[in-house]
Amino acid sequence: MELDTTGLKCPLPVLKARKKLKEVPAGGGRLKVLATDPGAVKDFEAFCEATGTRYVSWSEAGGVYTILLERP
């Protein structure tokens, strides 16, 4: 599943991802989040620590951050 939050500033990418994660199957379902806010990487790290969501990886290309989350 993918969520495009490009153009949105903190905290909107995390808030939208929290809502979208409810649609992701528990037990290993993954959500790919696209974001342009440079703070999103740190925001998602904190979000995952607080919620128990697995922070799989992140990458950046052309100013777009791709953050991969896994639902426990």
PDB file of N, CA and C in Angstrom:
ATOM      1  N   MET A   1       0.849  -1.166   0.000  1.00  0.00           N
ATOM      2  CA  MET A   1       0.000   0.000   0.000  1.00  0.00           C
ATOM      3  C   MET A   1       0.897   1.232   0.000  1.00  0.00           C
ATOM      4  N   GLU A   2       0.436   2.295  -0.650  1.00  0.00           N
ATOM      5  CA  GLU A   2       1.249   3.501  -0.773  1.00  0.00           C
ATOM      6  C   GLU A   2       0.442   4.729  -0.377  1.00  0.00           C
ATOM      7  N   LEU A   3       1.113   5.687   0.251  1.00  0.00           N
ATOM      8  CA  LEU A   3       0.493   6.943   0.662  1.00  0.00           C
ATOM      9  C   LEU A   3       1.371   8.086   0.187  1.00  0.00           C
ATOM     10  N   ASP A   4       0.808   8.972  -0.621  1.00  0.00           N
ATOM     11  CA  ASP A   4       1.544  10.120  -1.141  1.00  0.00           C
ATOM     12  C   ASP A   4       1.243  11.343  -0.278  1.00  0.00           C
ATOM     13  N   THR A   5       2.247  11.808   0.477  1.00  0.00           N
ATOM     14  CA  THR A   5       2.078  13.008   1.299  1.00  0.00           C
ATOM     15  C   THR A   5       2.991  14.126   0.804  1.00  0.00           C
ATOM     16  N   THR A   6       3.423  14.039  -0.449  1.00  0.00           N
ATOM     17  CA  THR A   6       4.310  15.073  -0.984  1.00  0.00           C
ATOM     18  C   THR A   6       3.605  16.423  -0.921  1.00  0.00           C
ATOM     19  N   GLY A   7       4.370  17.436  -0.559  1.00  0.00           N
ATOM     20  CA  GLY A   7       3.839  18.782  -0.450  1.00  0.00           C
ATOM     21  C   GLY A   7       3.278  19.120   0.913  1.00  0.00           C
ATOM     22  N   LEU A   8       3.117  18.125   1.788  1.00  0.00           N
ATOM     23  CA  LEU A   8       2.569  18.361   3.124  1.00  0.00           C
ATOM     24  C   LEU A   8       3.687  18.556   4.133  1.00  0.00           C
ATOM     25  N   LYS A   9       3.447  19.399   5.105  1.00  0.00           N
ATOM     26  CA  LYS A   9       4.424  19.676   6.162  1.00  0.00           C
ATOM     27  C   LYS A   9       4.021  18.956   7.444  1.00  0.00           C
ATOM     28  N   CYS A  10       4.997  18.764   8.301  1.00  0.00           N
ATOM     29  CA  CYS A  10       4.800  18.150   9.608  1.00  0.00           C
ATOM     30  C   CYS A  10       3.685  18.878  10.354  1.00  0.00           C
ATOM     31  N   PRO A  11       2.802  18.188  10.987  1.00  0.00           N
ATOM     32  CA  PRO A  11       2.741  16.751  11.268  1.00  0.00           C
ATOM     33  C   PRO A  11       1.833  15.973  10.321  1.00  0.00           C
ATOM     34  N   LEU A  12       1.377  16.586   9.220  1.00  0.00           N
ATOM     35  CA  LEU A  12       0.394  15.930   8.357  1.00  0.00           C
ATOM     36  C   LEU A  12       0.828  14.585   7.775  1.00  0.00           C
ATOM     37  N   PRO A  13       2.083  14.409   7.306  1.00  0.00           N
ATOM     38  CA  PRO A  13       2.446  13.081   6.794  1.00  0.00           C
ATOM     39  C   PRO A  13       2.260  11.969   7.834  1.00  0.00           C
ATOM     40  N   VAL A  14       2.652  12.229   9.075  1.00  0.00           N
ATOM     41  CA  VAL A  14       2.516  11.215  10.126  1.00  0.00           C
ATOM     42  C   VAL A  14       1.044  10.975  10.455  1.00  0.00           C
ATOM     43  N   LEU A  15       0.262  12.041  10.539  1.00  0.00           N
ATOM     44  CA  LEU A  15      -1.155  11.880  10.853  1.00  0.00           C
ATOM     45  C   LEU A  15      -1.887  11.091   9.772  1.00  0.00           C
ATOM     46  N   LYS A  16      -1.589  11.372   8.511  1.00  0.00           N
ATOM     47  CA  LYS A  16      -2.225  10.640   7.420  1.00  0.00           C
ATOM     48  C   LYS A  16      -1.761   9.182   7.399  1.00  0.00           C
ATOM     49  N   ALA A  17      -0.486   8.960   7.710  1.00  0.00           N
ATOM     50  CA  ALA A  17       0.031   7.590   7.747  1.00  0.00           C
ATOM     51  C   ALA A  17      -0.610   6.797   8.884  1.00  0.00           C
ATOM     52  N   ARG A  18      -0.797   7.422  10.017  1.00  0.00           N
ATOM     53  CA  ARG A  18      -1.440   6.738  11.153  1.00  0.00           C
ATOM     54  C   ARG A  18      -2.828   6.234  10.741  1.00  0.00           C
ATOM     55  N   LYS A  19      -3.571   7.081  10.034  1.00  0.00           N
ATOM     56  CA  LYS A  19      -4.915   6.700   9.583  1.00  0.00           C
ATOM     57  C   LYS A  19      -4.839   5.584   8.533  1.00  0.00           C
ATOM     58  N   LYS A  20      -3.917   5.711   7.582  1.00  0.00           N
ATOM     59  CA  LYS A  20      -3.793   4.734   6.489  1.00  0.00           C
ATOM     60  C   LYS A  20      -3.316   3.375   7.011  1.00  0.00           C
ATOM     61  N   LEU A  21      -2.487   3.371   8.057  1.00  0.00           N
ATOM     62  CA  LEU A  21      -1.986   2.113   8.611  1.00  0.00           C
ATOM     63  C   LEU A  21      -3.112   1.217   9.116  1.00  0.00           C
ATOM     64  N   LYS A  22      -4.255   1.802   9.462  1.00  0.00           N
ATOM     65  CA  LYS A  22      -5.399   1.005   9.911  1.00  0.00           C
ATOM     66  C   LYS A  22      -5.934   0.111   8.794  1.00  0.00           C
ATOM     67  N   GLU A  23      -5.661   0.482   7.535  1.00  0.00           N
ATOM     68  CA  GLU A  23      -6.096  -0.304   6.379  1.00  0.00           C
ATOM     69  C   GLU A  23      -5.080  -1.390   6.004  1.00  0.00           C
ATOM     70  N   VAL A  24      -3.875  -1.283   6.542  1.00  0.00           N
ATOM     71  CA  VAL A  24      -2.805  -2.233   6.224  1.00  0.00           C
ATOM     72  C   VAL A  24      -2.992  -3.487   7.079  1.00  0.00           C
ATOM     73  N   PRO A  25      -2.859  -4.663   6.474  1.00  0.00           N
ATOM     74  CA  PRO A  25      -3.036  -5.899   7.256  1.00  0.00           C
ATOM     75  C   PRO A  25      -2.021  -6.000   8.398  1.00  0.00           C
ATOM     76  N   ALA A  26      -2.515  -6.378   9.573  1.00  0.00           N
ATOM     77  CA  ALA A  26      -1.638  -6.581  10.728  1.00  0.00           C
ATOM     78  C   ALA A  26      -0.756  -7.792  10.482  1.00  0.00           C
ATOM     79  N   GLY A  27       0.364  -7.841  11.186  1.00  0.00           N
ATOM     80  CA  GLY A  27       1.244  -8.995  11.079  1.00  0.00           C
ATOM     81  C   GLY A  27       2.185  -8.949   9.901  1.00  0.00           C
ATOM     82  N   GLY A  28       2.598  -7.748   9.518  1.00  0.00           N
ATOM     83  CA  GLY A  28       3.613  -7.646   8.476  1.00  0.00           C
ATOM     84  C   GLY A  28       3.210  -6.868   7.242  1.00  0.00           C
ATOM     85  N   GLY A  29       1.994  -6.331   7.210  1.00  0.00           N
ATOM     86  CA  GLY A  29       1.595  -5.500   6.079  1.00  0.00           C
ATOM     87  C   GLY A  29       2.447  -4.245   6.035  1.00  0.00           C
ATOM     88  N   ARG A  30       2.735  -3.785   4.847  1.00  0.00           N
ATOM     89  CA  ARG A  30       3.639  -2.638   4.700  1.00  0.00           C
ATOM     90  C   ARG A  30       2.955  -1.443   4.056  1.00  0.00           C
ATOM     91  N   LEU A  31       3.411  -0.271   4.464  1.00  0.00           N
ATOM     92  CA  LEU A  31       2.940   0.991   3.918  1.00  0.00           C
ATOM     93  C   LEU A  31       4.149   1.792   3.459  1.00  0.00           C
ATOM     94  N   LYS A  32       4.118   2.193   2.191  1.00  0.00           N
ATOM     95  CA  LYS A  32       5.174   3.052   1.652  1.00  0.00           C
ATOM     96  C   LYS A  32       4.648   4.475   1.639  1.00  0.00           C
ATOM     97  N   VAL A  33       5.368   5.374   2.325  1.00  0.00           N
ATOM     98  CA  VAL A  33       4.964   6.773   2.417  1.00  0.00           C
ATOM     99  C   VAL A  33       5.935   7.619   1.596  1.00  0.00           C
ATOM    100  N   LEU A  34       5.392   8.468   0.739  1.00  0.00           N
ATOM    101  CA  LEU A  34       6.194   9.415  -0.030  1.00  0.00           C
ATOM    102  C   LEU A  34       6.015  10.784   0.600  1.00  0.00           C
ATOM    103  N   ALA A  35       7.115  11.463   0.898  1.00  0.00           N
ATOM    104  CA  ALA A  35       7.060  12.760   1.559  1.00  0.00           C
ATOM    105  C   ALA A  35       8.154  13.675   1.027  1.00  0.00           C
ATOM    106  N   THR A  36       7.886  14.981   1.070  1.00  0.00           N
ATOM    107  CA  THR A  36       8.894  15.957   0.651  1.00  0.00           C
ATOM    108  C   THR A  36       9.406  16.779   1.828  1.00  0.00           C
ATOM    109  N   ASP A  37       8.773  16.665   2.973  1.00  0.00           N
ATOM    110  CA  ASP A  37       9.212  17.379   4.177  1.00  0.00           C
ATOM    111  C   ASP A  37      10.465  16.698   4.719  1.00  0.00           C
ATOM    112  N   PRO A  38      11.620  17.393   4.768  1.00  0.00           N
ATOM    113  CA  PRO A  38      12.853  16.772   5.250  1.00  0.00           C
ATOM    114  C   PRO A  38      12.751  16.264   6.693  1.00  0.00           C
ATOM    115  N   GLY A  39      11.848  16.815   7.475  1.00  0.00           N
ATOM    116  CA  GLY A  39      11.668  16.368   8.853  1.00  0.00           C
ATOM    117  C   GLY A  39      10.898  15.065   8.970  1.00  0.00           C
ATOM    118  N   ALA A  40      10.347  14.589   7.871  1.00  0.00           N
ATOM    119  CA  ALA A  40       9.515  13.382   7.908  1.00  0.00           C
ATOM    120  C   ALA A  40      10.292  12.163   8.394  1.00  0.00           C
ATOM    121  N   VAL A  41      11.547  12.047   8.022  1.00  0.00           N
ATOM    122  CA  VAL A  41      12.338  10.879   8.421  1.00  0.00           C
ATOM    123  C   VAL A  41      12.393  10.777   9.943  1.00  0.00           C
ATOM    124  N   LYS A  42      12.762  11.861  10.599  1.00  0.00           N
ATOM    125  CA  LYS A  42      12.819  11.869  12.068  1.00  0.00           C
ATOM    126  C   LYS A  42      11.426  11.722  12.687  1.00  0.00           C
ATOM    127  N   ASP A  43      10.438  12.356  12.081  1.00  0.00           N
ATOM    128  CA  ASP A  43       9.071  12.260  12.594  1.00  0.00           C
ATOM    129  C   ASP A  43       8.579  10.815  12.583  1.00  0.00           C
ATOM    130  N   PHE A  44       8.873  10.095  11.505  1.00  0.00           N
ATOM    131  CA  PHE A  44       8.427   8.709  11.416  1.00  0.00           C
ATOM    132  C   PHE A  44       9.215   7.796  12.352  1.00  0.00           C
ATOM    133  N   GLU A  45      10.478   8.108  12.586  1.00  0.00           N
ATOM    134  CA  GLU A  45      11.246   7.340  13.569  1.00  0.00           C
ATOM    135  C   GLU A  45      10.583   7.453  14.945  1.00  0.00           C
ATOM    136  N   ALA A  46      10.221   8.679  15.330  1.00  0.00           N
ATOM    137  CA  ALA A  46       9.573   8.903  16.627  1.00  0.00           C
ATOM    138  C   ALA A  46       8.196   8.243  16.663  1.00  0.00           C
ATOM    139  N   PHE A  47       7.458   8.345  15.583  1.00  0.00           N
ATOM    140  CA  PHE A  47       6.136   7.726  15.496  1.00  0.00           C
ATOM    141  C   PHE A  47       6.230   6.214  15.702  1.00  0.00           C
ATOM    142  N   CYS A  48       7.206   5.595  15.055  1.00  0.00           N
ATOM    143  CA  CYS A  48       7.360   4.142  15.159  1.00  0.00           C
ATOM    144  C   CYS A  48       7.755   3.724  16.574  1.00  0.00           C
ATOM    145  N   GLU A  49       8.624   4.472  17.202  1.00  0.00           N
ATOM    146  CA  GLU A  49       9.004   4.175  18.584  1.00  0.00           C
ATOM    147  C   GLU A  49       7.797   4.248  19.506  1.00  0.00           C
ATOM    148  N   ALA A  50       6.946   5.238  19.276  1.00  0.00           N
ATOM    149  CA  ALA A  50       5.787   5.459  20.143  1.00  0.00           C
ATOM    150  C   ALA A  50       4.667   4.441  19.915  1.00  0.00           C
ATOM    151  N   THR A  51       4.553   3.917  18.693  1.00  0.00           N
ATOM    152  CA  THR A  51       3.400   3.066  18.362  1.00  0.00           C
ATOM    153  C   THR A  51       3.738   1.587  18.195  1.00  0.00           C
ATOM    154  N   GLY A  52       5.015   1.255  18.123  1.00  0.00           N
ATOM    155  CA  GLY A  52       5.388  -0.138  17.900  1.00  0.00           C
ATOM    156  C   GLY A  52       5.372  -0.544  16.437  1.00  0.00           C
ATOM    157  N   THR A  53       5.139   0.427  15.558  1.00  0.00           N
ATOM    158  CA  THR A  53       5.211   0.164  14.120  1.00  0.00           C
ATOM    159  C   THR A  53       6.678  -0.028  13.750  1.00  0.00           C
ATOM    160  N   ARG A  54       6.959  -0.961  12.837  1.00  0.00           N
ATOM    161  CA  ARG A  54       8.351  -1.211  12.447  1.00  0.00           C
ATOM    162  C   ARG A  54       8.775  -0.227  11.360  1.00  0.00           C
ATOM    163  N   TYR A  55       9.895   0.451  11.603  1.00  0.00           N
ATOM    164  CA  TYR A  55      10.481   1.384  10.635  1.00  0.00           C
ATOM    165  C   TYR A  55      11.436   0.556   9.786  1.00  0.00           C
ATOM    166  N   VAL A  56      11.028   0.186   8.595  1.00  0.00           N
ATOM    167  CA  VAL A  56      11.814  -0.727   7.766  1.00  0.00           C
ATOM    168  C   VAL A  56      12.991  -0.012   7.111  1.00  0.00           C
ATOM    169  N   SER A  57      12.708   1.094   6.419  1.00  0.00           N
ATOM    170  CA  SER A  57      13.786   1.795   5.712  1.00  0.00           C
ATOM    171  C   SER A  57      13.303   3.155   5.234  1.00  0.00           C
ATOM    172  N   TRP A  58      14.269   3.944   4.778  1.00  0.00           N
ATOM    173  CA  TRP A  58      13.938   5.187   4.100  1.00  0.00           C
ATOM    174  C   TRP A  58      15.009   5.461   3.060  1.00  0.00           C
ATOM    175  N   SER A  59      14.633   6.207   2.032  1.00  0.00           N
ATOM    176  CA  SER A  59      15.580   6.633   1.008  1.00  0.00           C
ATOM    177  C   SER A  59      15.106   7.990   0.487  1.00  0.00           C
ATOM    178  N   GLU A  60      15.986   8.658  -0.237  1.00  0.00           N
ATOM    179  CA  GLU A  60      15.664   9.973  -0.794  1.00  0.00           C
ATOM    180  C   GLU A  60      16.138  10.025  -2.229  1.00  0.00           C
ATOM    181  N   ALA A  61      15.295  10.524  -3.102  1.00  0.00           N
ATOM    182  CA  ALA A  61      15.660  10.699  -4.507  1.00  0.00           C
ATOM    183  C   ALA A  61      14.909  11.907  -5.042  1.00  0.00           C
ATOM    184  N   GLY A  62      15.642  12.876  -5.534  1.00  0.00           N
ATOM    185  CA  GLY A  62      15.025  14.059  -6.122  1.00  0.00           C
ATOM    186  C   GLY A  62      14.165  14.858  -5.158  1.00  0.00           C
ATOM    187  N   GLY A  63      14.538  14.851  -3.889  1.00  0.00           N
ATOM    188  CA  GLY A  63      13.786  15.612  -2.901  1.00  0.00           C
ATOM    189  C   GLY A  63      12.554  14.903  -2.355  1.00  0.00           C
ATOM    190  N   VAL A  64      12.341  13.660  -2.783  1.00  0.00           N
ATOM    191  CA  VAL A  64      11.209  12.876  -2.286  1.00  0.00           C
ATOM    192  C   VAL A  64      11.750  11.760  -1.391  1.00  0.00           C
ATOM    193  N   TYR A  65      11.241  11.721  -0.183  1.00  0.00           N
ATOM    194  CA  TYR A  65      11.634  10.694   0.778  1.00  0.00           C
ATOM    195  C   TYR A  65      10.641   9.543   0.691  1.00  0.00           C
ATOM    196  N   THR A  66      11.164   8.332   0.574  1.00  0.00           N
ATOM    197  CA  THR A  66      10.340   7.135   0.563  1.00  0.00           C
ATOM    198  C   THR A  66      10.589   6.420   1.883  1.00  0.00           C
ATOM    199  N   ILE A  67       9.542   6.297   2.672  1.00  0.00           N
ATOM    200  CA  ILE A  67       9.638   5.707   4.001  1.00  0.00           C
ATOM    201  C   ILE A  67       8.776   4.458   4.024  1.00  0.00           C
ATOM    202  N   LEU A  68       9.384   3.341   4.412  1.00  0.00           N
ATOM    203  CA  LEU A  68       8.680   2.072   4.430  1.00  0.00           C
ATOM    204  C   LEU A  68       8.410   1.658   5.874  1.00  0.00           C
ATOM    205  N   LEU A  69       7.121   1.460   6.176  1.00  0.00           N
ATOM    206  CA  LEU A  69       6.682   1.080   7.511  1.00  0.00           C
ATOM    207  C   LEU A  69       6.039  -0.300   7.463  1.00  0.00           C
ATOM    208  N   GLU A  70       6.132  -1.030   8.560  1.00  0.00           N
ATOM    209  CA  GLU A  70       5.516  -2.351   8.634  1.00  0.00           C
ATOM    210  C   GLU A  70       4.630  -2.415   9.869  1.00  0.00           C
ATOM    211  N   ARG A  71       3.408  -2.862   9.675  1.00  0.00           N
ATOM    212  CA  ARG A  71       2.474  -2.957  10.797  1.00  0.00           C
ATOM    213  C   ARG A  71       2.695  -4.273  11.544  1.00  0.00           C
ATOM    214  N   PRO A  72       2.832  -4.199  12.871  1.00  0.00           N
ATOM    215  CA  PRO A  72       3.056  -5.432  13.641  1.00  0.00           C
ATOM    216  C   PRO A  72       1.827  -6.325  13.677  1.00  0.00           C
TER     217      PRO A  72
END
